Amino acid sequence: MDQRVRSSSEDILAEPIPGGYSLSTEQRRSVDLAGRINGWGSDLDPATRPGVPRDKAPEIGGESLYPPIEPQVARVKIHKSNEHGKLTPVFGTSCPPQGLSGVVRDFAYRFSEGQLPHWLTLLLADRINVVEDLLGDLARLRPPNLVKELGLAAQWRYNRAGVLKGAAIAGVCVVGLLAYRRSRRR
């Protein structure tokens, strides 16, 4: 950032605007009497700042700019980072922690967000949750609709070559595994 002192408003007007454009002749004529564009550099002089100065309105504090929000009531367990003192006023409750994945998430939130075990255990909890949901679907005799859930219809419509390549790779893997099992039996 350029820290040199400007000698006059002409120096400011002669330089290009940060977006890359310099001022036209009409724009140069439209500057106010002080030689500045209205609003330009308003952060330089506290008297011309767009906000209300704190000394003129001390009742407006950082926390009291808006009316207080009535906090949401937690009816399910909500995980909160141990770096924050309290829950945010509004939070999601659509997927409460449950089962083995919930226990793993409980363990993850014992660590700080800056530590690797926090994120690795959350990733592990996500993988466990996928298996739990799959087992739950199978227990209710609702097998997953893989064509819909994996977006295979859209893949087939817009990326046929990729689908065929993936199917060929999967086919080669299955044939290779079957051949390996046969060779181990003998």
Protein backbone atom coordinates (compact mmCIF):
# COMPACT_ATOMS: atom_id res chain seq x y z
CA MET A 1 0.00 0.00 0.00
CA ASP A 2 1.29 3.42 -0.91
CA GLN A 3 2.13 5.38 2.26
CA ARG A 4 3.33 8.64 0.64
CA VAL A 5 1.67 11.93 1.54
CA ARG A 6 -0.48 13.47 -1.17
CA SER A 7 0.17 17.11 -1.94
CA SER A 8 -3.16 18.05 -3.48
CA SER A 9 -6.43 16.71 -4.77
CA GLU A 10 -5.02 16.85 -8.31
CA ASP A 11 -2.66 13.99 -7.39
CA ILE A 12 -5.65 11.92 -6.30
CA LEU A 13 -7.61 12.72 -9.46
CA ALA A 14 -4.68 12.01 -11.77
CA GLU A 15 -4.23 8.44 -10.52
CA PRO A 16 -6.37 5.64 -11.89
CA ILE A 17 -9.29 4.38 -9.84
CA PRO A 18 -8.56 1.01 -8.16
CA GLY A 19 -10.85 -0.70 -10.69
CA GLY A 20 -8.44 0.40 -13.44
CA TYR A 21 -10.29 3.41 -14.85
CA SER A 22 -9.14 7.01 -14.62
CA LEU A 23 -11.56 9.91 -14.26
CA SER A 24 -13.09 11.54 -17.31
CA THR A 25 -13.16 15.30 -17.76
CA GLU A 26 -16.82 15.43 -16.68
CA GLN A 27 -16.03 13.45 -13.53
CA ARG A 28 -13.18 15.81 -12.71
CA ARG A 29 -15.54 18.78 -13.00
CA SER A 30 -18.12 17.09 -10.74
CA VAL A 31 -15.87 16.98 -7.68
CA ASP A 32 -16.89 19.13 -4.76
CA LEU A 33 -15.15 22.36 -3.75
CA ALA A 34 -12.71 20.56 -1.47
CA GLY A 35 -11.38 18.71 -4.51
CA ARG A 36 -12.67 15.30 -3.46
CA ILE A 37 -15.29 13.01 -4.93
CA ASN A 38 -18.27 12.69 -2.60
CA GLY A 39 -17.78 9.59 -0.46
CA TRP A 40 -14.26 8.91 -1.72
CA GLY A 41 -11.89 8.38 1.19
CA SER A 42 -14.61 8.83 3.76
CA ASP A 43 -12.61 6.68 6.15
CA LEU A 44 -9.77 9.23 6.23
CA ASP A 45 -11.58 11.99 8.13
CA PRO A 46 -13.75 10.84 11.09
CA ALA A 47 -16.11 13.77 10.55
CA THR A 48 -17.08 12.50 7.09
CA ARG A 49 -17.57 8.85 7.98
CA PRO A 50 -20.91 7.44 6.83
CA GLY A 51 -21.72 5.81 10.18
CA VAL A 52 -22.73 7.48 13.41
CA PRO A 53 -19.65 8.26 15.50
CA ARG A 54 -19.76 6.43 18.83
CA ASP A 55 -19.09 9.58 20.85
CA LYS A 56 -22.27 11.24 19.49
CA ALA A 57 -24.47 8.19 20.15
CA PRO A 58 -22.98 6.25 23.09
CA GLU A 59 -26.22 4.30 23.64
CA ILE A 60 -25.53 2.42 20.42
CA GLY A 61 -23.09 -0.30 21.30
CA GLY A 62 -21.78 -3.14 19.18
CA GLU A 63 -24.20 -5.60 20.73
CA SER A 64 -27.23 -3.30 20.86
CA LEU A 65 -27.49 -2.30 17.21
CA TYR A 66 -30.37 -4.76 16.79
CA PRO A 67 -33.03 -5.86 19.22
CA PRO A 68 -32.11 -8.96 21.21
CA ILE A 69 -33.02 -12.27 19.58
CA GLU A 70 -35.03 -14.69 21.64
CA PRO A 71 -32.83 -17.79 21.80
CA GLN A 72 -34.11 -21.03 20.32
CA VAL A 73 -34.82 -23.79 22.83
CA ALA A 74 -32.74 -26.94 22.36
CA ARG A 75 -35.03 -29.97 22.38
CA VAL A 76 -32.33 -32.33 21.09
CA LYS A 77 -28.62 -32.54 21.83
CA ILE A 78 -26.69 -29.80 20.04
CA HIS A 79 -22.93 -30.04 19.67
CA LYS A 80 -21.11 -26.81 20.41
CA SER A 81 -17.47 -26.02 19.90
CA ASN A 82 -15.57 -25.85 23.16
CA GLU A 83 -14.07 -22.54 22.00
CA HIS A 84 -17.42 -20.75 22.20
CA GLY A 85 -19.05 -19.79 25.45
CA LYS A 86 -22.67 -20.35 24.48
CA LEU A 87 -24.88 -21.63 21.70
CA THR A 88 -25.85 -19.29 18.90
CA PRO A 89 -29.43 -17.98 19.18
CA VAL A 90 -30.54 -20.09 16.19
CA PHE A 91 -29.28 -23.55 15.26
CA GLY A 92 -30.30 -26.58 13.23
CA THR A 93 -32.03 -29.55 14.79
CA SER A 94 -32.90 -31.67 11.75
CA CYS A 95 -30.16 -34.27 12.32
CA PRO A 96 -29.59 -34.82 16.03
CA PRO A 97 -26.68 -37.11 16.96
CA GLN A 98 -27.79 -40.68 17.54
CA GLY A 99 -26.38 -44.17 17.59
CA LEU A 100 -22.70 -45.01 17.29
CA SER A 101 -22.07 -41.99 15.05
CA GLY A 102 -23.51 -39.74 17.80
CA VAL A 103 -21.14 -41.25 20.35
CA VAL A 104 -18.21 -40.63 17.98
CA ARG A 105 -19.38 -37.02 17.48
CA ASP A 106 -19.55 -36.57 21.26
CA PHE A 107 -15.94 -37.72 21.42
CA ALA A 108 -14.94 -35.37 18.56
CA TYR A 109 -16.28 -32.31 20.36
CA ARG A 110 -13.95 -32.93 23.29
CA PHE A 111 -11.15 -31.64 21.06
CA SER A 112 -10.59 -28.09 19.92
CA GLU A 113 -11.48 -27.20 16.34
CA GLY A 114 -7.81 -26.47 15.72
CA GLN A 115 -6.81 -30.05 16.41
CA LEU A 116 -6.74 -32.82 13.82
CA PRO A 117 -8.49 -35.46 15.98
CA HIS A 118 -11.61 -33.24 16.06
CA TRP A 119 -12.00 -33.29 12.27
CA LEU A 120 -10.87 -36.87 11.74
CA THR A 121 -13.39 -38.20 14.26
CA LEU A 122 -16.13 -36.09 12.65
CA LEU A 123 -15.23 -37.66 9.27
CA LEU A 124 -15.35 -41.10 10.89
CA ALA A 125 -18.76 -40.26 12.41
CA ASP A 126 -20.06 -39.31 8.95
CA ARG A 127 -18.91 -42.64 7.50
CA ILE A 128 -20.47 -44.54 10.41
CA ASN A 129 -23.70 -42.59 9.90
CA VAL A 130 -23.84 -43.70 6.24
CA VAL A 131 -23.54 -47.35 7.30
CA GLU A 132 -26.16 -46.85 10.05
CA ASP A 133 -28.61 -45.33 7.58
CA LEU A 134 -28.01 -48.12 5.06
CA LEU A 135 -28.60 -50.78 7.72
CA GLY A 136 -31.74 -48.94 8.86
CA ASP A 137 -33.08 -48.87 5.30
CA LEU A 138 -32.39 -52.57 4.86
CA ALA A 139 -34.02 -53.38 8.23
CA ARG A 140 -37.20 -51.62 7.02
CA LEU A 141 -36.98 -53.58 3.74
CA ARG A 142 -36.35 -50.40 1.77
CA PRO A 143 -33.18 -50.96 -0.24
CA PRO A 144 -31.49 -47.78 -1.41
CA ASN A 145 -32.33 -46.52 -4.89
CA LEU A 146 -28.73 -46.13 -6.06
CA VAL A 147 -29.69 -44.85 -9.51
CA LYS A 148 -31.51 -41.92 -7.94
CA GLU A 149 -29.28 -41.33 -4.91
CA LEU A 150 -26.02 -41.37 -6.88
CA GLY A 151 -27.46 -39.31 -9.71
CA LEU A 152 -26.74 -42.00 -12.27
CA ALA A 153 -29.61 -40.91 -14.54
CA ALA A 154 -28.13 -37.43 -14.84
CA GLN A 155 -24.64 -38.90 -15.24
CA TRP A 156 -25.89 -41.12 -18.05
CA ARG A 157 -27.58 -38.17 -19.74
CA TYR A 158 -24.69 -35.69 -19.48
CA ASN A 159 -21.57 -37.83 -18.99
CA ARG A 160 -22.05 -41.15 -20.77
CA ALA A 161 -18.35 -41.65 -21.38
CA GLY A 162 -17.62 -41.28 -17.67
CA VAL A 163 -20.38 -43.73 -16.71
CA LEU A 164 -19.16 -46.29 -19.22
CA LYS A 165 -15.58 -45.85 -18.05
CA GLY A 166 -16.61 -46.30 -14.41
CA ALA A 167 -18.71 -49.35 -15.27
CA ALA A 168 -15.78 -50.86 -17.18
CA ILE A 169 -13.42 -50.28 -14.26
CA ALA A 170 -15.95 -51.79 -11.82
CA GLY A 171 -16.43 -54.77 -14.16
CA VAL A 172 -12.68 -55.38 -14.39
CA CYS A 173 -12.44 -55.22 -10.58
CA VAL A 174 -15.28 -57.72 -10.12
CA VAL A 175 -13.82 -60.13 -12.69
CA GLY A 176 -10.40 -59.76 -11.07
CA LEU A 177 -11.81 -60.50 -7.60
CA LEU A 178 -13.69 -63.55 -8.88
CA ALA A 179 -10.57 -64.85 -10.61
CA TYR A 180 -8.54 -64.28 -7.45
CA ARG A 181 -11.08 -66.20 -5.33
CA ARG A 182 -11.05 -69.13 -7.78
CA SER A 183 -7.26 -69.28 -7.74
CA ARG A 184 -7.24 -69.30 -3.92
CA ARG A 185 -9.70 -72.24 -3.76
CA ARG A 186 -7.44 -74.54 -5.75
